[in-house]
Amino acid sequence: MKRIKVSKFLSGLLRHFPEKYGLKVNPYGWVDLESVAEVVAKRYGLTKSQALKLIKELEKTDAKKRFEIKEGRIRARYGHSIKVETKWSEEGEIPTVLYHGTSRSSLNSILKEGLLPIKRREVHLSKSVKEAIEVGKRHDKNPVVLKIKADEMIKEGYQIRKKGEVFTADFVPPKYIEVVYNITEDSKGDST
């Protein structure tokens, strides 16, 4: 479906390769919405107004709240590999516990070194085991889910930011990480 393809392309365009299409990104990830609509229109054989309408629908309906439109500009809320300032946060409570889905092959190094952003600028955390499994399946058909003690991290001075339906941190030290779901060990853990 065209909506899914456009959403995936828009994510890549705003997070990873805006320069490939001549887009100028400000230090906080904002790009001129009209310019983005022109790129999307050209790529998918749409008029500029059709592309604008589709982009605005995606921003409103995306379950993970990947995009934000404001004052004629658009940005990806999280997931950047390009150099942008990502240390902003939206209003809202940070849950006491968050989750992270990962591959089984990464588990030992994570438990030893903590969670690092690797290819992105921040570590992504989910509100539920179910969401973490979905994310983890991008890297492993049987992912491991880690429980992150967010309340303890915050009490000890680490920052966790809310970005749409995702939460981000610069780093999660090993002492705040616990395995809650590891299919290879048959320990299903919490499934909230």
C-alpha atoms as a PDB file:
ATOM      1  CA  MET A   1       0.000   0.000   0.000  1.00  0.00           C
ATOM      2  CA  LYS A   2       1.243   3.464  -0.918  1.00  0.00           C
ATOM      3  CA  ARG A   3       0.689   4.877   2.631  1.00  0.00           C
ATOM      4  CA  ILE A   4       3.080   2.329   4.155  1.00  0.00           C
ATOM      5  CA  LYS A   5       5.708   2.933   1.468  1.00  0.00           C
ATOM      6  CA  VAL A   6       5.448   6.705   1.881  1.00  0.00           C
ATOM      7  CA  SER A   7       5.638   6.408   5.680  1.00  0.00           C
ATOM      8  CA  LYS A   8       8.797   4.283   5.462  1.00  0.00           C
ATOM      9  CA  PHE A   9      10.347   6.633   2.911  1.00  0.00           C
ATOM     10  CA  LEU A  10       9.445   9.677   5.016  1.00  0.00           C
ATOM     11  CA  SER A  11      11.074   8.075   8.074  1.00  0.00           C
ATOM     12  CA  GLY A  12      14.269   7.463   6.122  1.00  0.00           C
ATOM     13  CA  LEU A  13      14.189  10.898   4.510  1.00  0.00           C
ATOM     14  CA  LEU A  14      13.856  12.766   7.820  1.00  0.00           C
ATOM     15  CA  ARG A  15      16.070  10.477   9.940  1.00  0.00           C
ATOM     16  CA  HIS A  16      18.848   9.265   7.662  1.00  0.00           C
ATOM     17  CA  PHE A  17      19.216  10.764   4.163  1.00  0.00           C
ATOM     18  CA  PRO A  18      17.747  14.285   3.723  1.00  0.00           C
ATOM     19  CA  GLU A  19      20.897  15.523   1.945  1.00  0.00           C
ATOM     20  CA  LYS A  20      20.379  12.934  -0.822  1.00  0.00           C
ATOM     21  CA  TYR A  21      17.267  14.923  -1.811  1.00  0.00           C
ATOM     22  CA  GLY A  22      18.732  18.383  -1.181  1.00  0.00           C
ATOM     23  CA  LEU A  23      16.735  19.015   1.995  1.00  0.00           C
ATOM     24  CA  LYS A  24      18.064  21.439   4.593  1.00  0.00           C
ATOM     25  CA  VAL A  25      17.661  20.226   8.186  1.00  0.00           C
ATOM     26  CA  ASN A  26      17.936  22.613  11.123  1.00  0.00           C
ATOM     27  CA  PRO A  27      19.829  21.600  14.304  1.00  0.00           C
ATOM     28  CA  TYR A  28      16.632  20.137  15.839  1.00  0.00           C
ATOM     29  CA  GLY A  29      15.673  18.008  12.834  1.00  0.00           C
ATOM     30  CA  TRP A  30      13.078  20.363  11.313  1.00  0.00           C
ATOM     31  CA  VAL A  31      12.699  20.474   7.522  1.00  0.00           C
ATOM     32  CA  ASP A  32      10.480  22.711   5.378  1.00  0.00           C
ATOM     33  CA  LEU A  33       7.200  20.786   4.872  1.00  0.00           C
ATOM     34  CA  GLU A  34       6.650  22.099   1.313  1.00  0.00           C
ATOM     35  CA  SER A  35      10.110  20.866   0.288  1.00  0.00           C
ATOM     36  CA  VAL A  36       9.430  17.413   1.754  1.00  0.00           C
ATOM     37  CA  ALA A  37       6.064  17.295  -0.061  1.00  0.00           C
ATOM     38  CA  GLU A  38       7.833  18.080  -3.353  1.00  0.00           C
ATOM     39  CA  VAL A  39      10.234  15.160  -2.825  1.00  0.00           C
ATOM     40  CA  VAL A  40       7.392  12.764  -1.897  1.00  0.00           C
ATOM     41  CA  ALA A  41       5.245  13.957  -4.843  1.00  0.00           C
ATOM     42  CA  LYS A  42       8.050  13.408  -7.330  1.00  0.00           C
ATOM     43  CA  ARG A  43       8.985   9.986  -5.940  1.00  0.00           C
ATOM     44  CA  TYR A  44       5.420   8.617  -5.862  1.00  0.00           C
ATOM     45  CA  GLY A  45       3.848  10.349  -8.886  1.00  0.00           C
ATOM     46  CA  LEU A  46       1.572  12.580  -6.806  1.00  0.00           C
ATOM     47  CA  THR A  47       0.720  16.238  -7.037  1.00  0.00           C
ATOM     48  CA  LYS A  48       2.310  18.402  -4.355  1.00  0.00           C
ATOM     49  CA  SER A  49      -1.101  18.937  -2.731  1.00  0.00           C
ATOM     50  CA  GLN A  50      -1.772  15.157  -2.676  1.00  0.00           C
ATOM     51  CA  ALA A  51       1.635  14.595  -1.091  1.00  0.00           C
ATOM     52  CA  LEU A  52       1.004  17.317   1.539  1.00  0.00           C
ATOM     53  CA  LYS A  53      -2.375  15.794   2.392  1.00  0.00           C
ATOM     54  CA  LEU A  54      -0.858  12.308   2.700  1.00  0.00           C
ATOM     55  CA  ILE A  55       2.034  13.521   4.888  1.00  0.00           C
ATOM     56  CA  LYS A  56      -0.394  15.360   7.203  1.00  0.00           C
ATOM     57  CA  GLU A  57      -2.582  12.224   7.461  1.00  0.00           C
ATOM     58  CA  LEU A  58       0.468  10.124   8.306  1.00  0.00           C
ATOM     59  CA  GLU A  59       1.485  12.585  11.037  1.00  0.00           C
ATOM     60  CA  LYS A  60      -2.005  12.442  12.596  1.00  0.00           C
ATOM     61  CA  THR A  61      -2.629   8.698  12.307  1.00  0.00           C
ATOM     62  CA  ASP A  62       0.770   7.059  12.812  1.00  0.00           C
ATOM     63  CA  ALA A  63       0.449   4.781  15.861  1.00  0.00           C
ATOM     64  CA  LYS A  64       4.042   5.389  16.942  1.00  0.00           C
ATOM     65  CA  LYS A  65       3.824   9.163  16.438  1.00  0.00           C
ATOM     66  CA  ARG A  66       6.981   9.158  14.294  1.00  0.00           C
ATOM     67  CA  PHE A  67       6.415  12.611  12.796  1.00  0.00           C
ATOM     68  CA  GLU A  68       5.676  16.101  14.039  1.00  0.00           C
ATOM     69  CA  ILE A  69       4.393  19.017  11.939  1.00  0.00           C
ATOM     70  CA  LYS A  70       4.537  22.565  13.255  1.00  0.00           C
ATOM     71  CA  GLU A  71       4.673  26.038  11.680  1.00  0.00           C
ATOM     72  CA  GLY A  72       5.192  24.780   8.128  1.00  0.00           C
ATOM     73  CA  ARG A  73       7.946  22.356   9.119  1.00  0.00           C
ATOM     74  CA  ILE A  74       8.171  18.614   9.732  1.00  0.00           C
ATOM     75  CA  ARG A  75      10.569  16.395  11.656  1.00  0.00           C
ATOM     76  CA  ALA A  76      10.953  12.809  12.746  1.00  0.00           C
ATOM     77  CA  ARG A  77      10.467  12.701  16.518  1.00  0.00           C
ATOM     78  CA  TYR A  78      13.154  10.042  17.062  1.00  0.00           C
ATOM     79  CA  GLY A  79      15.412   7.521  15.324  1.00  0.00           C
ATOM     80  CA  HIS A  80      17.921   9.848  13.670  1.00  0.00           C
ATOM     81  CA  SER A  81      21.288   8.716  12.411  1.00  0.00           C
ATOM     82  CA  ILE A  82      22.032  12.200  11.012  1.00  0.00           C
ATOM     83  CA  LYS A  83      23.495  14.787  13.321  1.00  0.00           C
ATOM     84  CA  VAL A  84      20.618  16.645  14.997  1.00  0.00           C
ATOM     85  CA  GLU A  85      19.967  17.731  18.578  1.00  0.00           C
ATOM     86  CA  THR A  86      17.709  15.001  19.990  1.00  0.00           C
ATOM     87  CA  LYS A  87      17.716  15.889  23.678  1.00  0.00           C
ATOM     88  CA  TRP A  88      14.235  17.467  23.605  1.00  0.00           C
ATOM     89  CA  SER A  89      11.237  15.887  25.293  1.00  0.00           C
ATOM     90  CA  GLU A  90       7.463  16.169  25.076  1.00  0.00           C
ATOM     91  CA  GLU A  91       5.131  16.664  28.011  1.00  0.00           C
ATOM     92  CA  GLY A  92       4.018  13.515  29.762  1.00  0.00           C
ATOM     93  CA  GLU A  93       4.867  11.020  32.443  1.00  0.00           C
ATOM     94  CA  ILE A  94       7.780   8.668  32.108  1.00  0.00           C
ATOM     95  CA  PRO A  95       6.647   5.176  33.188  1.00  0.00           C
ATOM     96  CA  THR A  96       8.485   3.597  36.132  1.00  0.00           C
ATOM     97  CA  VAL A  97       9.423   0.644  33.909  1.00  0.00           C
ATOM     98  CA  LEU A  98      10.174   0.591  30.185  1.00  0.00           C
ATOM     99  CA  TYR A  99      11.222  -2.212  27.809  1.00  0.00           C
ATOM    100  CA  HIS A 100      13.706  -2.792  25.007  1.00  0.00           C
ATOM    101  CA  GLY A 101      13.607  -5.563  22.400  1.00  0.00           C
ATOM    102  CA  THR A 102      16.910  -6.826  21.066  1.00  0.00           C
ATOM    103  CA  SER A 103      18.575  -9.786  19.387  1.00  0.00           C
ATOM    104  CA  ARG A 104      19.738 -12.814  21.350  1.00  0.00           C
ATOM    105  CA  SER A 105      23.254 -12.284  19.986  1.00  0.00           C
ATOM    106  CA  SER A 106      23.443  -8.831  21.602  1.00  0.00           C
ATOM    107  CA  LEU A 107      22.281  -9.911  25.063  1.00  0.00           C
ATOM    108  CA  ASN A 108      25.650 -10.688  26.710  1.00  0.00           C
ATOM    109  CA  SER A 109      27.300  -7.438  25.629  1.00  0.00           C
ATOM    110  CA  ILE A 110      24.232  -5.418  26.722  1.00  0.00           C
ATOM    111  CA  LEU A 111      24.227  -7.041  30.161  1.00  0.00           C
ATOM    112  CA  LYS A 112      27.946  -6.237  30.465  1.00  0.00           C
ATOM    113  CA  GLU A 113      28.149  -2.763  28.833  1.00  0.00           C
ATOM    114  CA  GLY A 114      24.560  -1.459  28.935  1.00  0.00           C
ATOM    115  CA  LEU A 115      22.373  -0.242  26.086  1.00  0.00           C
ATOM    116  CA  LEU A 116      24.153   2.044  23.631  1.00  0.00           C
ATOM    117  CA  PRO A 117      22.582   3.854  20.654  1.00  0.00           C
ATOM    118  CA  ILE A 118      24.882   2.101  18.083  1.00  0.00           C
ATOM    119  CA  LYS A 119      23.601   3.349  14.660  1.00  0.00           C
ATOM    120  CA  ARG A 120      21.205   5.946  16.050  1.00  0.00           C
ATOM    121  CA  ARG A 121      21.654   8.941  18.297  1.00  0.00           C
ATOM    122  CA  GLU A 122      19.565   7.535  21.194  1.00  0.00           C
ATOM    123  CA  VAL A 123      18.457   4.236  22.712  1.00  0.00           C
ATOM    124  CA  HIS A 124      14.761   3.569  22.045  1.00  0.00           C
ATOM    125  CA  LEU A 125      12.554   2.226  24.828  1.00  0.00           C
ATOM    126  CA  SER A 126       8.968   0.940  24.681  1.00  0.00           C
ATOM    127  CA  LYS A 127       6.016   1.112  27.083  1.00  0.00           C
ATOM    128  CA  SER A 128       5.182  -2.589  26.875  1.00  0.00           C
ATOM    129  CA  VAL A 129       6.683  -6.024  26.344  1.00  0.00           C
ATOM    130  CA  LYS A 130       4.469  -6.422  23.256  1.00  0.00           C
ATOM    131  CA  GLU A 131       5.910  -3.261  21.642  1.00  0.00           C
ATOM    132  CA  ALA A 132       9.447  -4.301  22.575  1.00  0.00           C
ATOM    133  CA  ILE A 133       8.941  -7.719  20.950  1.00  0.00           C
ATOM    134  CA  GLU A 134       7.709  -6.013  17.766  1.00  0.00           C
ATOM    135  CA  VAL A 135      10.817  -3.805  17.696  1.00  0.00           C
ATOM    136  CA  GLY A 136      13.122  -6.703  18.578  1.00  0.00           C
ATOM    137  CA  LYS A 137      11.769  -8.797  15.699  1.00  0.00           C
ATOM    138  CA  ARG A 138      13.474  -6.385  13.299  1.00  0.00           C
ATOM    139  CA  HIS A 139      16.772  -7.896  14.478  1.00  0.00           C
ATOM    140  CA  ASP A 140      15.868 -11.440  15.551  1.00  0.00           C
ATOM    141  CA  LYS A 141      12.828 -13.651  14.911  1.00  0.00           C
ATOM    142  CA  ASN A 142      12.923 -14.616  18.615  1.00  0.00           C
ATOM    143  CA  PRO A 143      14.022 -11.410  20.344  1.00  0.00           C
ATOM    144  CA  VAL A 144      14.956 -10.904  23.956  1.00  0.00           C
ATOM    145  CA  VAL A 145      13.001  -8.292  25.914  1.00  0.00           C
ATOM    146  CA  LEU A 146      14.765  -6.267  28.563  1.00  0.00           C
ATOM    147  CA  LYS A 147      13.044  -4.482  31.428  1.00  0.00           C
ATOM    148  CA  ILE A 148      14.502  -1.036  32.105  1.00  0.00           C
ATOM    149  CA  LYS A 149      14.137   0.400  35.618  1.00  0.00           C
ATOM    150  CA  ALA A 150      13.321   3.906  34.385  1.00  0.00           C
ATOM    151  CA  ASP A 151      12.347   5.322  37.779  1.00  0.00           C
ATOM    152  CA  GLU A 152      15.696   4.304  39.276  1.00  0.00           C
ATOM    153  CA  MET A 153      17.592   5.764  36.312  1.00  0.00           C
ATOM    154  CA  ILE A 154      15.824   9.105  36.687  1.00  0.00           C
ATOM    155  CA  LYS A 155      16.369   9.167  40.471  1.00  0.00           C
ATOM    156  CA  GLU A 156      20.088   8.707  39.861  1.00  0.00           C
ATOM    157  CA  GLY A 157      20.301  11.566  37.349  1.00  0.00           C
ATOM    158  CA  TYR A 158      19.898   9.872  33.967  1.00  0.00           C
ATOM    159  CA  GLN A 159      17.516  11.474  31.501  1.00  0.00           C
ATOM    160  CA  ILE A 160      14.715   9.633  29.711  1.00  0.00           C
ATOM    161  CA  ARG A 161      12.774  11.603  27.117  1.00  0.00           C
ATOM    162  CA  LYS A 162       9.227  11.102  25.794  1.00  0.00           C
ATOM    163  CA  LYS A 163       8.902  11.378  22.012  1.00  0.00           C
ATOM    164  CA  GLY A 164       5.439  10.463  20.810  1.00  0.00           C
ATOM    165  CA  GLU A 165       4.831   6.880  21.885  1.00  0.00           C
ATOM    166  CA  VAL A 166       8.545   6.118  22.238  1.00  0.00           C
ATOM    167  CA  PHE A 167      10.947   6.953  25.049  1.00  0.00           C
ATOM    168  CA  THR A 168      14.640   7.604  24.507  1.00  0.00           C
ATOM    169  CA  ALA A 169      17.839   7.742  26.549  1.00  0.00           C
ATOM    170  CA  ASP A 170      21.451   8.464  25.676  1.00  0.00           C
ATOM    171  CA  PHE A 171      22.592   5.278  27.432  1.00  0.00           C
ATOM    172  CA  VAL A 172      21.164   2.662  29.820  1.00  0.00           C
ATOM    173  CA  PRO A 173      23.724   1.301  32.303  1.00  0.00           C
ATOM    174  CA  PRO A 174      23.640  -2.471  32.961  1.00  0.00           C
ATOM    175  CA  LYS A 175      22.472  -2.082  36.569  1.00  0.00           C
ATOM    176  CA  TYR A 176      19.038  -0.859  35.348  1.00  0.00           C
ATOM    177  CA  ILE A 177      18.524  -3.785  32.940  1.00  0.00           C
ATOM    178  CA  GLU A 178      16.762  -7.086  33.619  1.00  0.00           C
ATOM    179  CA  VAL A 179      15.817  -9.846  31.143  1.00  0.00           C
ATOM    180  CA  VAL A 180      12.042 -10.424  31.177  1.00  0.00           C
ATOM    181  CA  TYR A 181      11.492 -12.398  27.994  1.00  0.00           C
ATOM    182  CA  ASN A 182      13.989 -14.753  26.428  1.00  0.00           C
ATOM    183  CA  ILE A 183      12.448 -17.530  24.350  1.00  0.00           C
ATOM    184  CA  THR A 184      15.712 -19.461  24.316  1.00  0.00           C
ATOM    185  CA  GLU A 185      15.456 -19.887  28.083  1.00  0.00           C
ATOM    186  CA  ASP A 186      11.679 -20.455  28.103  1.00  0.00           C
ATOM    187  CA  SER A 187      11.240 -17.629  30.611  1.00  0.00           C
ATOM    188  CA  LYS A 188       8.328 -15.658  29.284  1.00  0.00           C
ATOM    189  CA  GLY A 189       8.212 -13.144  32.123  1.00  0.00           C
ATOM    190  CA  ASP A 190       5.839 -10.220  32.189  1.00  0.00           C
ATOM    191  CA  SER A 191       3.680  -9.741  29.106  1.00  0.00           C
ATOM    192  CA  THR A 192       2.194  -6.323  29.716  1.00  0.00           C
END
